[in-house]
Amino acid sequence: MKAALFVCALFAVIRADEFAACLERHSLSTAEQGTLFTVAIDKDRLLAIGDSPLPKGWESLRYDPLTGLTLAKAAHNLLPIVLRGADRINEHKEAAFFGKSGISIVPAQSVKRQNGVETAGGRATGTLLTSPCFGVTAIATDAGFIESEFLRRFIDSNQSGRFFWGDLGVRLKGFTVEFIDPFVRASPLLAGDKIVSINGVSFGGSYELERAVLLLEPETTAAIAIERGGRLVELQSPVYRRLGGFLFADTFLERLGIRFDKALFVRSVESINGRTLPIALNDRLISINGIQVADDRGVRAALSAFNGQIRLLMQRSDFQFFINVDMESYGF
């Protein structure tokens, strides 16, 4: 799998051979344990990247299946990293990538920022990226770059076991609500609402809004100011658990215990409220209520048009079958 990446933004244009000390410094903070890539957080905690089991003797403090991150407690002799704000990248002219094959330097402006669950990647296994030289601004998993603000949220969280990001039960297009999660009945937001602020904080761009939603604490309440019909409206919205995105498709059907890849093939199935849909790994979603779907955006659009029933058409090998979802039996 692709391992972790760190971004190094610099004050001036400098040659790759001048980064040797940076490369040596980060080699003291990282290690590989089988197929896991690990980064030292402090004297007894490691951030492990990958989906392989932890080595014997390691204790999992929390894990996030959406990004592939695990925070583990384990004895180690690695030098802890220092997390720096990812906005430091834009303060400098260059970004340097440290990897097994050497060092490459690119214009800092070419480093794509994380926009919610939309991440950028494309670097080889074991590449390191910091800003400035010894300050880590992002780590990339198979999902792409996970910026330091998200890493700090994951590391410092009080959640134990499985980790969850925040979710308001809607998906946005810019600042405007585009799709509504049909399984989230308590959300006060409507399609077409324009979000002005969350908990009193307004946003300079949609990427700031997307990250603010993800960084909300699930099972709390957020104060949302919106524009609706030309009027400013203040709402109290539950914060839900985000179940899709990053490594997986984001379909809303995750609330039924199904997780898809980006091509809509089933990658996991779990029981929800004592019920498990008759779906198997590698089944593919074809349509919802007669609407053909080719990607997760199409699925969200079809489910936003929810009219009281959900009928899924699935394909397994060379035959297709329907599943009628009884919403009430799931407690929705």
C-alpha atoms as a PDB file:
ATOM      1  CA  MET A   1       0.000   0.000   0.000  1.00  0.00           C
ATOM      2  CA  LYS A   2       0.988   3.631  -0.231  1.00  0.00           C
ATOM      3  CA  ALA A   3       2.583   4.768   2.985  1.00  0.00           C
ATOM      4  CA  ALA A   4       2.754   8.120   4.670  1.00  0.00           C
ATOM      5  CA  LEU A   5       3.852  11.382   3.052  1.00  0.00           C
ATOM      6  CA  PHE A   6       4.898  14.636   4.692  1.00  0.00           C
ATOM      7  CA  VAL A   7       5.177  18.111   3.019  1.00  0.00           C
ATOM      8  CA  CYS A   8       8.223  20.327   3.569  1.00  0.00           C
ATOM      9  CA  ALA A   9       7.735  23.993   2.611  1.00  0.00           C
ATOM     10  CA  LEU A  10      10.847  26.162   2.462  1.00  0.00           C
ATOM     11  CA  PHE A  11      11.699  29.857   2.769  1.00  0.00           C
ATOM     12  CA  ALA A  12      13.728  30.010  -0.468  1.00  0.00           C
ATOM     13  CA  VAL A  13      14.636  27.988  -3.528  1.00  0.00           C
ATOM     14  CA  ILE A  14      17.285  25.517  -2.394  1.00  0.00           C
ATOM     15  CA  ARG A  15      18.875  22.415  -3.834  1.00  0.00           C
ATOM     16  CA  ALA A  16      17.789  18.875  -2.970  1.00  0.00           C
ATOM     17  CA  ASP A  17      21.217  17.940  -1.594  1.00  0.00           C
ATOM     18  CA  GLU A  18      20.745  20.554   1.162  1.00  0.00           C
ATOM     19  CA  PHE A  19      17.833  18.497   2.553  1.00  0.00           C
ATOM     20  CA  ALA A  20      19.978  15.593   3.671  1.00  0.00           C
ATOM     21  CA  ALA A  21      19.664  16.597   7.331  1.00  0.00           C
ATOM     22  CA  CYS A  22      15.871  16.793   6.995  1.00  0.00           C
ATOM     23  CA  LEU A  23      15.733  13.328   5.473  1.00  0.00           C
ATOM     24  CA  GLU A  24      17.914  11.900   8.247  1.00  0.00           C
ATOM     25  CA  ARG A  25      15.772  13.644  10.897  1.00  0.00           C
ATOM     26  CA  HIS A  26      12.566  12.071   9.629  1.00  0.00           C
ATOM     27  CA  SER A  27      14.116   8.663   9.228  1.00  0.00           C
ATOM     28  CA  LEU A  28      14.481   8.748  13.031  1.00  0.00           C
ATOM     29  CA  SER A  29      10.728   9.383  13.429  1.00  0.00           C
ATOM     30  CA  THR A  30       9.307   6.717  11.119  1.00  0.00           C
ATOM     31  CA  ALA A  31       9.483   2.968  10.731  1.00  0.00           C
ATOM     32  CA  GLU A  32       7.823   0.108   8.892  1.00  0.00           C
ATOM     33  CA  GLN A  33       6.208  -2.771  10.779  1.00  0.00           C
ATOM     34  CA  GLY A  34       5.357  -5.365   8.150  1.00  0.00           C
ATOM     35  CA  THR A  35       2.926  -3.562   5.838  1.00  0.00           C
ATOM     36  CA  LEU A  36       2.254  -0.800   8.364  1.00  0.00           C
ATOM     37  CA  PHE A  37       3.955   2.581   8.144  1.00  0.00           C
ATOM     38  CA  THR A  38       4.399   4.148  11.591  1.00  0.00           C
ATOM     39  CA  VAL A  39       5.131   7.672  12.791  1.00  0.00           C
ATOM     40  CA  ALA A  40       6.117   8.580  16.356  1.00  0.00           C
ATOM     41  CA  ILE A  41       3.642  10.994  18.003  1.00  0.00           C
ATOM     42  CA  ASP A  42       5.236  11.097  21.444  1.00  0.00           C
ATOM     43  CA  LYS A  43       7.394   8.857  23.620  1.00  0.00           C
ATOM     44  CA  ASP A  44       4.864   5.986  23.777  1.00  0.00           C
ATOM     45  CA  ARG A  45       2.333   6.562  20.979  1.00  0.00           C
ATOM     46  CA  LEU A  46       2.587   5.780  17.275  1.00  0.00           C
ATOM     47  CA  LEU A  47       0.396   6.645  14.317  1.00  0.00           C
ATOM     48  CA  ALA A  48       0.083   3.496  12.193  1.00  0.00           C
ATOM     49  CA  ILE A  49      -1.059   3.727   8.579  1.00  0.00           C
ATOM     50  CA  GLY A  50      -2.532   0.686   6.878  1.00  0.00           C
ATOM     51  CA  ASP A  51      -5.093  -2.045   7.457  1.00  0.00           C
ATOM     52  CA  SER A  52      -2.819  -4.827   8.700  1.00  0.00           C
ATOM     53  CA  PRO A  53      -3.075  -6.074  12.318  1.00  0.00           C
ATOM     54  CA  LEU A  54      -0.917  -4.276  14.846  1.00  0.00           C
ATOM     55  CA  PRO A  55       2.223  -6.097  16.010  1.00  0.00           C
ATOM     56  CA  LYS A  56       1.990  -8.182  19.164  1.00  0.00           C
ATOM     57  CA  GLY A  57       2.188  -6.080  22.299  1.00  0.00           C
ATOM     58  CA  TRP A  58       0.789  -2.918  20.701  1.00  0.00           C
ATOM     59  CA  GLU A  59      -2.449  -1.459  22.100  1.00  0.00           C
ATOM     60  CA  SER A  60      -4.905   0.171  19.711  1.00  0.00           C
ATOM     61  CA  LEU A  61      -6.215   3.396  21.257  1.00  0.00           C
ATOM     62  CA  ARG A  62      -8.458   4.300  18.328  1.00  0.00           C
ATOM     63  CA  TYR A  63      -8.728   3.580  14.633  1.00  0.00           C
ATOM     64  CA  ASP A  64     -10.390   5.215  11.649  1.00  0.00           C
ATOM     65  CA  PRO A  65     -11.414   2.790   8.880  1.00  0.00           C
ATOM     66  CA  LEU A  66     -12.162   5.690   6.516  1.00  0.00           C
ATOM     67  CA  THR A  67      -8.566   6.952   6.420  1.00  0.00           C
ATOM     68  CA  GLY A  68      -6.678   3.826   7.493  1.00  0.00           C
ATOM     69  CA  LEU A  69      -5.205   5.550  10.555  1.00  0.00           C
ATOM     70  CA  THR A  70      -4.644   3.823  13.896  1.00  0.00           C
ATOM     71  CA  LEU A  71      -3.304   5.443  17.056  1.00  0.00           C
ATOM     72  CA  ALA A  72      -1.387   2.828  19.024  1.00  0.00           C
ATOM     73  CA  LYS A  73       0.401   2.660  22.340  1.00  0.00           C
ATOM     74  CA  ALA A  74       3.702   0.836  22.063  1.00  0.00           C
ATOM     75  CA  ALA A  75       7.268   0.946  23.292  1.00  0.00           C
ATOM     76  CA  HIS A  76       9.581   2.530  20.723  1.00  0.00           C
ATOM     77  CA  ASN A  77      12.819   4.457  20.309  1.00  0.00           C
ATOM     78  CA  LEU A  78      11.659   6.790  17.530  1.00  0.00           C
ATOM     79  CA  LEU A  79      11.957  10.572  17.671  1.00  0.00           C
ATOM     80  CA  PRO A  80       8.475  12.191  17.906  1.00  0.00           C
ATOM     81  CA  ILE A  81       7.373  14.452  15.070  1.00  0.00           C
ATOM     82  CA  VAL A  82       6.072  18.016  15.439  1.00  0.00           C
ATOM     83  CA  LEU A  83       2.781  18.851  13.705  1.00  0.00           C
ATOM     84  CA  ARG A  84       2.639  22.225  11.949  1.00  0.00           C
ATOM     85  CA  GLY A  85      -0.379  23.940  10.400  1.00  0.00           C
ATOM     86  CA  ALA A  86      -0.862  22.955   6.763  1.00  0.00           C
ATOM     87  CA  ASP A  87      -1.356  26.618   5.866  1.00  0.00           C
ATOM     88  CA  ARG A  88       2.413  26.958   6.403  1.00  0.00           C
ATOM     89  CA  ILE A  89       2.833  25.438   2.940  1.00  0.00           C
ATOM     90  CA  ASN A  90       1.520  28.581   1.284  1.00  0.00           C
ATOM     91  CA  GLU A  91       3.954  30.793   3.199  1.00  0.00           C
ATOM     92  CA  HIS A  92       6.907  29.421   1.271  1.00  0.00           C
ATOM     93  CA  LYS A  93       8.056  29.033  -2.313  1.00  0.00           C
ATOM     94  CA  GLU A  94       8.757  25.319  -2.415  1.00  0.00           C
ATOM     95  CA  ALA A  95       7.615  21.969  -1.067  1.00  0.00           C
ATOM     96  CA  ALA A  96      10.011  19.047  -0.728  1.00  0.00           C
ATOM     97  CA  PHE A  97       9.059  15.365  -0.737  1.00  0.00           C
ATOM     98  CA  PHE A  98      11.362  12.923   1.046  1.00  0.00           C
ATOM     99  CA  GLY A  99      11.251   9.316  -0.115  1.00  0.00           C
ATOM    100  CA  LYS A 100      13.274   6.143  -0.477  1.00  0.00           C
ATOM    101  CA  SER A 101      14.165   7.164  -4.013  1.00  0.00           C
ATOM    102  CA  GLY A 102      15.502  10.539  -2.894  1.00  0.00           C
ATOM    103  CA  ILE A 103      14.225  14.089  -2.570  1.00  0.00           C
ATOM    104  CA  SER A 104      12.058  16.010  -5.006  1.00  0.00           C
ATOM    105  CA  ILE A 105      11.192  19.695  -4.778  1.00  0.00           C
ATOM    106  CA  VAL A 106       8.056  21.265  -6.287  1.00  0.00           C
ATOM    107  CA  PRO A 107       6.502  24.745  -6.131  1.00  0.00           C
ATOM    108  CA  ALA A 108       4.537  25.037  -2.886  1.00  0.00           C
ATOM    109  CA  GLN A 109       1.536  26.355  -4.829  1.00  0.00           C
ATOM    110  CA  SER A 110       1.311  23.014  -6.663  1.00  0.00           C
ATOM    111  CA  VAL A 111       0.590  21.120  -3.423  1.00  0.00           C
ATOM    112  CA  LYS A 112      -3.161  20.528  -3.371  1.00  0.00           C
ATOM    113  CA  ARG A 113      -4.864  21.213  -0.039  1.00  0.00           C
ATOM    114  CA  GLN A 114      -7.289  18.799   1.564  1.00  0.00           C
ATOM    115  CA  ASN A 115     -10.953  19.705   0.966  1.00  0.00           C
ATOM    116  CA  GLY A 116     -12.994  17.733   3.486  1.00  0.00           C
ATOM    117  CA  VAL A 117     -12.821  14.054   2.551  1.00  0.00           C
ATOM    118  CA  GLU A 118     -11.425  15.015  -0.861  1.00  0.00           C
ATOM    119  CA  THR A 119      -7.699  14.417  -0.567  1.00  0.00           C
ATOM    120  CA  ALA A 120      -4.708  14.554  -2.892  1.00  0.00           C
ATOM    121  CA  GLY A 121      -2.037  11.881  -3.183  1.00  0.00           C
ATOM    122  CA  GLY A 122       0.123  10.410  -5.893  1.00  0.00           C
ATOM    123  CA  ARG A 123       3.454   9.871  -4.130  1.00  0.00           C
ATOM    124  CA  ALA A 124       5.308   6.607  -3.631  1.00  0.00           C
ATOM    125  CA  THR A 125       5.333   4.471  -0.495  1.00  0.00           C
ATOM    126  CA  GLY A 126       7.511   5.896   2.279  1.00  0.00           C
ATOM    127  CA  THR A 127       7.583   9.503   1.029  1.00  0.00           C
ATOM    128  CA  LEU A 128       7.834  12.146   3.784  1.00  0.00           C
ATOM    129  CA  LEU A 129       6.605  15.733   3.641  1.00  0.00           C
ATOM    130  CA  THR A 130       7.188  18.543   6.262  1.00  0.00           C
ATOM    131  CA  SER A 131       6.973  22.332   6.733  1.00  0.00           C
ATOM    132  CA  PRO A 132       9.356  23.800   7.508  1.00  0.00           C
ATOM    133  CA  CYS A 133      11.978  21.073   7.491  1.00  0.00           C
ATOM    134  CA  PHE A 134      11.097  19.412  10.813  1.00  0.00           C
ATOM    135  CA  GLY A 135       7.397  20.293  11.084  1.00  0.00           C
ATOM    136  CA  VAL A 136       4.907  17.791   9.665  1.00  0.00           C
ATOM    137  CA  THR A 137       1.998  19.403   7.814  1.00  0.00           C
ATOM    138  CA  ALA A 138       0.336  16.334   6.294  1.00  0.00           C
ATOM    139  CA  ILE A 139       0.476  12.555   6.167  1.00  0.00           C
ATOM    140  CA  ALA A 140      -0.847  10.592   3.203  1.00  0.00           C
ATOM    141  CA  THR A 141      -2.520   7.230   3.464  1.00  0.00           C
ATOM    142  CA  ASP A 142      -4.140   5.310   0.624  1.00  0.00           C
ATOM    143  CA  ALA A 143      -6.915   7.890   0.929  1.00  0.00           C
ATOM    144  CA  GLY A 144      -4.440  10.700   0.077  1.00  0.00           C
ATOM    145  CA  PHE A 145      -3.030  13.523   2.187  1.00  0.00           C
ATOM    146  CA  ILE A 146      -4.482  13.885   5.678  1.00  0.00           C
ATOM    147  CA  GLU A 147      -3.526  17.366   6.857  1.00  0.00           C
ATOM    148  CA  SER A 148      -2.190  18.169  10.319  1.00  0.00           C
ATOM    149  CA  GLU A 149      -5.441  19.705  11.595  1.00  0.00           C
ATOM    150  CA  PHE A 150      -7.239  16.416  10.948  1.00  0.00           C
ATOM    151  CA  LEU A 151      -4.349  14.405  12.358  1.00  0.00           C
ATOM    152  CA  ARG A 152      -4.447  16.451  15.557  1.00  0.00           C
ATOM    153  CA  ARG A 153      -8.212  15.938  15.826  1.00  0.00           C
ATOM    154  CA  PHE A 154      -7.725  12.177  15.506  1.00  0.00           C
ATOM    155  CA  ILE A 155      -4.778  12.036  17.914  1.00  0.00           C
ATOM    156  CA  ASP A 156      -6.298  14.273  20.609  1.00  0.00           C
ATOM    157  CA  SER A 157      -9.835  12.873  20.450  1.00  0.00           C
ATOM    158  CA  ASN A 158     -11.490  11.336  23.510  1.00  0.00           C
ATOM    159  CA  GLN A 159     -13.107   8.703  21.287  1.00  0.00           C
ATOM    160  CA  SER A 160     -11.948   5.129  21.909  1.00  0.00           C
ATOM    161  CA  GLY A 161     -12.141   2.196  19.558  1.00  0.00           C
ATOM    162  CA  ARG A 162     -13.573   3.227  16.205  1.00  0.00           C
ATOM    163  CA  PHE A 163     -13.141   6.926  15.430  1.00  0.00           C
ATOM    164  CA  PHE A 164     -15.803   9.087  13.762  1.00  0.00           C
ATOM    165  CA  TRP A 165     -15.658  12.455  11.980  1.00  0.00           C
ATOM    166  CA  GLY A 166     -18.514  14.961  12.157  1.00  0.00           C
ATOM    167  CA  ASP A 167     -21.490  15.006   9.769  1.00  0.00           C
ATOM    168  CA  LEU A 168     -24.513  17.333   9.531  1.00  0.00           C
ATOM    169  CA  GLY A 169     -26.543  14.846   7.475  1.00  0.00           C
ATOM    170  CA  VAL A 170     -26.186  16.820   4.247  1.00  0.00           C
ATOM    171  CA  ARG A 171     -23.696  17.237   1.415  1.00  0.00           C
ATOM    172  CA  LEU A 172     -22.749  20.640   0.129  1.00  0.00           C
ATOM    173  CA  LYS A 173     -22.014  22.295  -3.181  1.00  0.00           C
ATOM    174  CA  GLY A 174     -19.908  25.244  -2.148  1.00  0.00           C
ATOM    175  CA  PHE A 175     -21.834  26.744   0.779  1.00  0.00           C
ATOM    176  CA  THR A 176     -25.227  25.404  -0.359  1.00  0.00           C
ATOM    177  CA  VAL A 177     -26.951  22.202   0.764  1.00  0.00           C
ATOM    178  CA  GLU A 178     -27.239  19.970  -2.315  1.00  0.00           C
ATOM    179  CA  PHE A 179     -28.151  16.504  -0.991  1.00  0.00           C
ATOM    180  CA  ILE A 180     -30.010  15.357   2.120  1.00  0.00           C
ATOM    181  CA  ASP A 181     -29.219  12.078   3.900  1.00  0.00           C
ATOM    182  CA  PRO A 182     -32.628  10.285   4.016  1.00  0.00           C
ATOM    183  CA  PHE A 183     -31.570   8.283   7.073  1.00  0.00           C
ATOM    184  CA  VAL A 184     -31.026  11.418   9.160  1.00  0.00           C
ATOM    185  CA  ARG A 185     -34.517  12.554  10.084  1.00  0.00           C
ATOM    186  CA  ALA A 186     -33.624  15.103  12.778  1.00  0.00           C
ATOM    187  CA  SER A 187     -31.522  17.414  10.604  1.00  0.00           C
ATOM    188  CA  PRO A 188     -33.146  20.867  10.279  1.00  0.00           C
ATOM    189  CA  LEU A 189     -31.274  21.643   7.041  1.00  0.00           C
ATOM    190  CA  LEU A 190     -33.041  21.683   3.672  1.00  0.00           C
ATOM    191  CA  ALA A 191     -31.804  21.504   0.095  1.00  0.00           C
ATOM    192  CA  GLY A 192     -30.962  25.015  -1.059  1.00  0.00           C
ATOM    193  CA  ASP A 193     -29.996  26.327   2.375  1.00  0.00           C
ATOM    194  CA  LYS A 194     -26.794  28.375   2.273  1.00  0.00           C
ATOM    195  CA  ILE A 195     -24.599  27.932   5.336  1.00  0.00           C
ATOM    196  CA  VAL A 196     -23.361  31.240   6.746  1.00  0.00           C
ATOM    197  CA  SER A 197     -21.638  30.066   9.933  1.00  0.00           C
ATOM    198  CA  ILE A 198     -21.183  27.123  12.278  1.00  0.00           C
ATOM    199  CA  ASN A 199     -20.885  27.802  16.012  1.00  0.00           C
ATOM    200  CA  GLY A 200     -20.390  31.477  15.224  1.00  0.00           C
ATOM    201  CA  VAL A 201     -17.523  30.908  12.773  1.00  0.00           C
ATOM    202  CA  SER A 202     -17.876  32.015   9.138  1.00  0.00           C
ATOM    203  CA  PHE A 203     -15.746  30.706   6.292  1.00  0.00           C
ATOM    204  CA  GLY A 204     -13.602  32.243   3.580  1.00  0.00           C
ATOM    205  CA  GLY A 205     -13.953  29.267   1.260  1.00  0.00           C
ATOM    206  CA  SER A 206     -15.854  26.022   0.840  1.00  0.00           C
ATOM    207  CA  TYR A 207     -12.814  23.950   1.853  1.00  0.00           C
ATOM    208  CA  GLU A 208     -12.854  25.712   5.250  1.00  0.00           C
ATOM    209  CA  LEU A 209     -16.540  24.851   5.642  1.00  0.00           C
ATOM    210  CA  GLU A 210     -16.014  21.211   4.673  1.00  0.00           C
ATOM    211  CA  ARG A 211     -13.212  20.783   7.193  1.00  0.00           C
ATOM    212  CA  ALA A 212     -15.204  22.559   9.911  1.00  0.00           C
ATOM    213  CA  VAL A 213     -18.028  20.025   9.511  1.00  0.00           C
ATOM    214  CA  LEU A 214     -15.654  17.047   9.669  1.00  0.00           C
ATOM    215  CA  LEU A 215     -13.976  18.438  12.785  1.00  0.00           C
ATOM    216  CA  LEU A 216     -17.277  18.701  14.688  1.00  0.00           C
ATOM    217  CA  GLU A 217     -17.672  16.250  17.562  1.00  0.00           C
ATOM    218  CA  PRO A 218     -20.318  13.597  16.801  1.00  0.00           C
ATOM    219  CA  GLU A 219     -23.311  13.328  19.144  1.00  0.00           C
ATOM    220  CA  THR A 220     -23.145  17.015  20.046  1.00  0.00           C
ATOM    221  CA  THR A 221     -25.219  19.954  18.762  1.00  0.00           C
ATOM    222  CA  ALA A 222     -23.982  22.696  16.435  1.00  0.00           C
ATOM    223  CA  ALA A 223     -25.385  26.209  16.020  1.00  0.00           C
ATOM    224  CA  ILE A 224     -25.907  26.749  12.280  1.00  0.00           C
ATOM    225  CA  ALA A 225     -26.732  30.111  10.673  1.00  0.00           C
ATOM    226  CA  ILE A 226     -28.182  29.798   7.170  1.00  0.00           C
ATOM    227  CA  GLU A 227     -29.769  31.853   4.418  1.00  0.00           C
ATOM    228  CA  ARG A 228     -33.164  30.431   3.456  1.00  0.00           C
ATOM    229  CA  GLY A 229     -35.573  32.221   1.156  1.00  0.00           C
ATOM    230  CA  GLY A 230     -33.630  35.456   1.497  1.00  0.00           C
ATOM    231  CA  ARG A 231     -33.788  35.400   5.300  1.00  0.00           C
ATOM    232  CA  LEU A 232     -31.121  34.668   7.899  1.00  0.00           C
ATOM    233  CA  VAL A 233     -32.213  31.688  10.023  1.00  0.00           C
ATOM    234  CA  GLU A 234     -30.451  30.288  13.086  1.00  0.00           C
ATOM    235  CA  LEU A 235     -30.783  26.552  13.746  1.00  0.00           C
ATOM    236  CA  GLN A 236     -29.593  23.931  16.196  1.00  0.00           C
ATOM    237  CA  SER A 237     -28.440  20.827  14.336  1.00  0.00           C
ATOM    238  CA  PRO A 238     -27.410  17.421  15.690  1.00  0.00           C
ATOM    239  CA  VAL A 239     -23.893  16.354  14.732  1.00  0.00           C
ATOM    240  CA  TYR A 240     -23.875  12.810  13.369  1.00  0.00           C
ATOM    241  CA  ARG A 241     -21.130  10.292  12.710  1.00  0.00           C
ATOM    242  CA  ARG A 242     -19.568  10.428   9.259  1.00  0.00           C
ATOM    243  CA  LEU A 243     -19.628   6.917   7.794  1.00  0.00           C
ATOM    244  CA  GLY A 244     -18.490   7.382   4.186  1.00  0.00           C
ATOM    245  CA  GLY A 245     -15.736   9.096   2.252  1.00  0.00           C
ATOM    246  CA  PHE A 246     -11.906   9.142   2.246  1.00  0.00           C
ATOM    247  CA  LEU A 247     -10.948   5.571   1.187  1.00  0.00           C
ATOM    248  CA  PHE A 248     -14.545   4.668   0.363  1.00  0.00           C
ATOM    249  CA  ALA A 249     -17.482   5.998  -1.601  1.00  0.00           C
ATOM    250  CA  ASP A 250     -19.798   8.431   0.193  1.00  0.00           C
ATOM    251  CA  THR A 251     -23.302   7.164  -0.609  1.00  0.00           C
ATOM    252  CA  PHE A 252     -25.475   7.625   2.544  1.00  0.00           C
ATOM    253  CA  LEU A 253     -26.100   3.846   2.327  1.00  0.00           C
ATOM    254  CA  GLU A 254     -23.317   3.416   4.872  1.00  0.00           C
ATOM    255  CA  ARG A 255     -26.030   3.975   7.494  1.00  0.00           C
ATOM    256  CA  LEU A 256     -27.509   0.633   6.378  1.00  0.00           C
ATOM    257  CA  GLY A 257     -24.188  -1.078   7.080  1.00  0.00           C
ATOM    258  CA  ILE A 258     -22.907  -1.136   3.485  1.00  0.00           C
ATOM    259  CA  ARG A 259     -19.604   0.384   2.463  1.00  0.00           C
ATOM    260  CA  PHE A 260     -18.712   0.714  -1.227  1.00  0.00           C
ATOM    261  CA  ASP A 261     -15.564   1.496  -3.171  1.00  0.00           C
ATOM    262  CA  LYS A 262     -15.585   4.346  -5.662  1.00  0.00           C
ATOM    263  CA  ALA A 263     -16.896   2.025  -8.414  1.00  0.00           C
ATOM    264  CA  LEU A 264     -19.860   1.024  -6.163  1.00  0.00           C
ATOM    265  CA  PHE A 265     -18.643  -2.502  -5.431  1.00  0.00           C
ATOM    266  CA  VAL A 266     -19.451  -3.625  -1.889  1.00  0.00           C
ATOM    267  CA  ARG A 267     -16.371  -3.663   0.332  1.00  0.00           C
ATOM    268  CA  SER A 268     -17.959  -4.396   3.721  1.00  0.00           C
ATOM    269  CA  VAL A 269     -21.339  -5.289   5.229  1.00  0.00           C
ATOM    270  CA  GLU A 270     -22.271  -5.006   8.904  1.00  0.00           C
ATOM    271  CA  SER A 271     -25.372  -5.415  11.029  1.00  0.00           C
ATOM    272  CA  ILE A 272     -27.319  -2.253  11.927  1.00  0.00           C
ATOM    273  CA  ASN A 273     -29.915  -2.388  14.703  1.00  0.00           C
ATOM    274  CA  GLY A 274     -29.880  -6.178  14.492  1.00  0.00           C
ATOM    275  CA  ARG A 275     -30.522  -6.291  10.735  1.00  0.00           C
ATOM    276  CA  THR A 276     -28.123  -7.178   7.927  1.00  0.00           C
ATOM    277  CA  LEU A 277     -28.991  -6.649   4.276  1.00  0.00           C
ATOM    278  CA  PRO A 278     -28.598  -9.763   2.045  1.00  0.00           C
ATOM    279  CA  ILE A 279     -25.595  -8.278   0.267  1.00  0.00           C
ATOM    280  CA  ALA A 280     -22.182  -9.877  -0.238  1.00  0.00           C
ATOM    281  CA  LEU A 281     -18.707  -8.556  -0.864  1.00  0.00           C
ATOM    282  CA  ASN A 282     -18.106  -7.549  -4.492  1.00  0.00           C
ATOM    283  CA  ASP A 283     -21.819  -7.118  -5.233  1.00  0.00           C
ATOM    284  CA  ARG A 284     -22.283  -3.957  -7.290  1.00  0.00           C
ATOM    285  CA  LEU A 285     -24.982  -1.318  -6.909  1.00  0.00           C
ATOM    286  CA  ILE A 286     -26.779  -0.713 -10.239  1.00  0.00           C
ATOM    287  CA  SER A 287     -29.798   1.483  -9.465  1.00  0.00           C
ATOM    288  CA  ILE A 288     -31.915   3.010  -6.694  1.00  0.00           C
ATOM    289  CA  ASN A 289     -35.675   3.263  -7.164  1.00  0.00           C
ATOM    290  CA  GLY A 290     -35.138   2.737 -10.880  1.00  0.00           C
ATOM    291  CA  ILE A 291     -32.501   5.475 -11.158  1.00  0.00           C
ATOM    292  CA  GLN A 292     -29.238   4.196 -12.654  1.00  0.00           C
ATOM    293  CA  VAL A 293     -26.175   5.133 -10.589  1.00  0.00           C
ATOM    294  CA  ALA A 294     -22.541   5.125 -11.691  1.00  0.00           C
ATOM    295  CA  ASP A 295     -20.802   6.870  -8.794  1.00  0.00           C
ATOM    296  CA  ASP A 296     -21.401   7.991  -5.224  1.00  0.00           C
ATOM    297  CA  ARG A 297     -22.685  11.396  -6.287  1.00  0.00           C
ATOM    298  CA  GLY A 298     -25.371   9.673  -8.341  1.00  0.00           C
ATOM    299  CA  VAL A 299     -26.296   7.554  -5.319  1.00  0.00           C
ATOM    300  CA  ARG A 300     -26.627  10.624  -3.104  1.00  0.00           C
ATOM    301  CA  ALA A 301     -28.799  12.325  -5.715  1.00  0.00           C
ATOM    302  CA  ALA A 302     -31.084   9.291  -6.010  1.00  0.00           C
ATOM    303  CA  LEU A 303     -31.448   8.977  -2.244  1.00  0.00           C
ATOM    304  CA  SER A 304     -32.106  12.705  -1.853  1.00  0.00           C
ATOM    305  CA  ALA A 305     -35.210  12.113  -3.993  1.00  0.00           C
ATOM    306  CA  PHE A 306     -36.357   9.567  -1.396  1.00  0.00           C
ATOM    307  CA  ASN A 307     -40.149   9.112  -1.601  1.00  0.00           C
ATOM    308  CA  GLY A 308     -40.837   6.703   1.245  1.00  0.00           C
ATOM    309  CA  GLN A 309     -39.211   3.547  -0.062  1.00  0.00           C
ATOM    310  CA  ILE A 310     -35.773   2.394  -1.152  1.00  0.00           C
ATOM    311  CA  ARG A 311     -35.403  -0.325  -3.760  1.00  0.00           C
ATOM    312  CA  LEU A 312     -31.841  -1.307  -4.594  1.00  0.00           C
ATOM    313  CA  LEU A 313     -30.851  -3.201  -7.738  1.00  0.00           C
ATOM    314  CA  MET A 314     -27.653  -5.153  -7.133  1.00  0.00           C
ATOM    315  CA  GLN A 315     -25.522  -7.280  -9.423  1.00  0.00           C
ATOM    316  CA  ARG A 316     -23.704 -10.409  -8.276  1.00  0.00           C
ATOM    317  CA  SER A 317     -21.549 -12.117 -10.887  1.00  0.00           C
ATOM    318  CA  ASP A 318     -23.900 -12.689 -13.841  1.00  0.00           C
ATOM    319  CA  PHE A 319     -27.295 -12.063 -12.236  1.00  0.00           C
ATOM    320  CA  GLN A 320     -29.159  -9.104 -10.759  1.00  0.00           C
ATOM    321  CA  PHE A 321     -31.522  -8.926  -7.800  1.00  0.00           C
ATOM    322  CA  PHE A 322     -33.624  -6.362  -5.939  1.00  0.00           C
ATOM    323  CA  ILE A 323     -33.556  -5.468  -2.253  1.00  0.00           C
ATOM    324  CA  ASN A 324     -36.414  -3.532  -0.679  1.00  0.00           C
ATOM    325  CA  VAL A 325     -35.258  -1.614   2.368  1.00  0.00           C
ATOM    326  CA  ASP A 326     -37.731  -1.443   5.258  1.00  0.00           C
ATOM    327  CA  MET A 327     -36.743   1.857   6.840  1.00  0.00           C
ATOM    328  CA  GLU A 328     -38.784   1.387   9.995  1.00  0.00           C
ATOM    329  CA  SER A 329     -37.132  -1.943  10.801  1.00  0.00           C
ATOM    330  CA  TYR A 330     -33.793  -0.131  10.894  1.00  0.00           C
ATOM    331  CA  GLY A 331     -35.124   2.494  13.264  1.00  0.00           C
ATOM    332  CA  PHE A 332     -34.974   5.370  10.766  1.00  0.00           C
END
